[in-house]
Protein backbone atom coordinates (compact mmCIF):
# COMPACT_ATOMS: atom_id res chain seq x y z
CA UNK A 1 10.66 -1.70 -6.69
CA UNK A 2 7.35 0.06 -6.08
CA UNK A 3 4.32 -1.86 -7.34
CA UNK A 4 1.91 1.05 -6.93
CA UNK A 5 1.45 4.17 -4.86
CA UNK A 6 -1.38 6.32 -3.59
CA UNK A 7 -1.23 9.91 -2.35
CA UNK A 8 -3.92 11.59 -0.35
CA UNK A 9 -3.98 15.02 1.21
CA UNK A 10 -6.32 15.14 4.18
CA UNK A 11 -6.99 17.82 6.75
CA UNK A 12 -9.11 17.75 9.86
CA UNK A 13 -10.23 14.16 9.31
CA UNK A 14 -10.61 11.60 12.06
CA UNK A 15 -9.98 8.73 9.64
CA UNK A 16 -9.30 7.94 6.02
CA UNK A 17 -9.11 4.71 4.04
CA UNK A 18 -7.48 3.19 1.00
CA UNK A 19 -7.57 -0.07 -0.94
CA UNK A 20 -4.48 -1.80 -2.22
CA UNK A 21 -4.15 -4.81 -4.48
CA UNK A 22 -1.45 -7.25 -5.40
CA UNK A 23 -1.45 -8.32 -9.05
CA UNK A 24 -2.60 -11.91 -9.62
CA UNK A 25 0.61 -12.59 -11.56
CA UNK A 26 2.76 -11.00 -8.83
CA UNK A 27 5.19 -13.29 -7.02
CA UNK A 28 4.44 -14.61 -3.58
CA UNK A 29 6.86 -13.91 -0.73
CA UNK A 30 9.82 -16.28 -0.55
CA UNK A 31 13.44 -16.45 0.46
CA UNK A 32 16.40 -18.63 -0.53
CA UNK A 33 20.08 -18.33 0.37
CA UNK A 34 20.60 -16.31 -2.84
CA UNK A 35 17.42 -14.31 -3.45
CA UNK A 36 14.28 -13.15 -1.66
CA UNK A 37 11.01 -11.47 -2.56
CA UNK A 38 9.42 -9.43 0.21
CA UNK A 39 6.33 -7.24 0.19
CA UNK A 40 5.68 -4.25 2.42
CA UNK A 41 3.22 -1.40 2.79
CA UNK A 42 5.02 1.89 3.25
CA UNK A 43 3.21 4.82 4.82
CA UNK A 44 4.46 8.40 5.02
CA UNK A 45 2.73 10.91 7.27
CA UNK A 46 3.41 14.64 7.13
CA UNK A 47 2.27 17.16 9.71
CA UNK A 48 1.98 20.87 9.11
CA UNK A 49 3.30 23.35 11.67
CA UNK A 50 0.71 25.35 13.60
CA UNK A 51 -0.21 28.88 12.50
CA UNK A 52 0.78 28.39 8.84
CA UNK A 53 -0.94 30.70 6.35
CA UNK A 54 -2.27 28.08 3.92
CA UNK A 55 -3.22 30.75 1.37
CA UNK A 56 0.50 31.32 0.67
CA UNK A 57 0.85 27.84 -0.87
CA UNK A 58 -0.65 26.41 -4.03
CA UNK A 59 -0.69 22.88 -2.57
CA UNK A 60 -0.32 21.46 0.96
CA UNK A 61 2.71 19.39 -0.10
CA UNK A 62 4.59 22.65 -0.79
CA UNK A 63 4.41 23.84 2.83
CA UNK A 64 7.86 24.29 4.33
CA UNK A 65 8.79 23.01 7.79
CA UNK A 66 6.60 19.91 7.75
CA UNK A 67 7.52 16.94 9.93
CA UNK A 68 7.65 13.51 8.32
CA UNK A 69 7.02 10.12 9.88
CA UNK A 70 7.49 6.87 7.94
CA UNK A 71 6.04 3.45 8.79
CA UNK A 72 6.91 0.26 6.89
CA UNK A 73 4.62 -2.72 7.46
CA UNK A 74 6.00 -6.01 6.09
CA UNK A 75 3.37 -8.43 4.78
CA UNK A 76 3.62 -12.01 3.58
CA UNK A 77 1.97 -12.80 0.25
CA UNK A 78 0.82 -16.39 -0.12
CA UNK A 79 -0.02 -18.25 -3.31
CA UNK A 80 -3.75 -18.40 -4.13
CA UNK A 81 -5.51 -21.47 -2.75
CA UNK A 82 -5.31 -24.44 -5.08
CA UNK A 83 -8.17 -24.58 -7.54
CA UNK A 84 -9.25 -20.94 -7.27
CA UNK A 85 -7.17 -18.35 -9.11
CA UNK A 86 -5.17 -20.83 -11.17
CA UNK A 87 -8.31 -22.53 -12.49
CA UNK A 88 -9.90 -19.32 -13.80
CA UNK A 89 -9.05 -17.31 -16.87
CA UNK A 90 -9.05 -13.53 -17.10
CA UNK A 91 -12.57 -13.55 -18.56
CA UNK A 92 -14.09 -15.46 -15.63
CA UNK A 93 -16.21 -13.35 -13.30
CA UNK A 94 -15.88 -15.57 -10.22
CA UNK A 95 -13.64 -14.59 -7.34
CA UNK A 96 -12.78 -15.63 -3.82
CA UNK A 97 -13.14 -13.65 -0.62
CA UNK A 98 -10.30 -15.57 1.02
CA UNK A 99 -7.34 -13.30 1.84
CA UNK A 100 -4.26 -13.70 -0.31
CA UNK A 101 -2.04 -11.97 2.25
CA UNK A 102 -1.39 -12.22 5.94
CA UNK A 103 0.09 -9.56 8.20
CA UNK A 104 3.43 -10.72 9.58
């Protein structure tokens, strides 16, 4: 299942950034002999062949002959620290800067 996705078309950039979030009511990572919940960030990178006439295409994603590279980064989602998220209601404005995930 895909929780959310983000698409960005960039050209001639040295770097780009994005922000992802895990819903507060989303399950933490766990595994039993019968079921498991795992989270991952999935990245897809496309490169355009050299010497392509970009004016022939309405959108960069329509260019033929692109190469695709995929990277899947598993992450572990932990439960919020005791007394922080569980103690607040949706109307509370307080938050914590502690990470709710750890790269694994």
